[in-house]
Amino acid sequence: MKKPLLSITIGGGLAAIGIFLVFTFLLSAPTQKYDISVNPIIVKDEMGIETHVMIKNTGINPLTNVKIDYGGTAKPDMIPLLNPGDKISLSPPQGSDLSMVRVTADQGVNVTQPYREPASAPFIGNSGYGG
């Protein structure tokens, strides 16, 4: 009697895990043809100001001529092709406004995001150890 109960328990557990994984992948799959994630970060500390902008194609189709406008007197960055799932980290050039980033693409994508300051510890450099 213990053997069938163990089999049922294991089978039920595996089924539950399978259902969880199916729903997780279905809900996280891209649903829009053209979409982009823009994440501008600014960290101000005693060492100065550190900025970067993360761009990711979260849509189903490639984006062409992705233009990243940092504002101010800075020349915009251009990405000729950004395939689905591709992620690029950029550093705003000298003369950037450092308040907003506007990203556009040929496919009608138009996203404006303000810089955000993470609530975590300040940048710790390339060594991986804070001081």
Foldseek 3Di string as FASTA:
>chain_A
DVVVVVVVVVVVVVVVVVVVVVVVCVVQQADAQWDKDWAWAWEQDPVGIFIKIKIATQHQAKFAFKWKAQDFPFDIDTDGIHGHGDMDMGGGDPGGPQFKIWIDTPVGDTDIDGYDYDPDDGDQPDVPDRD
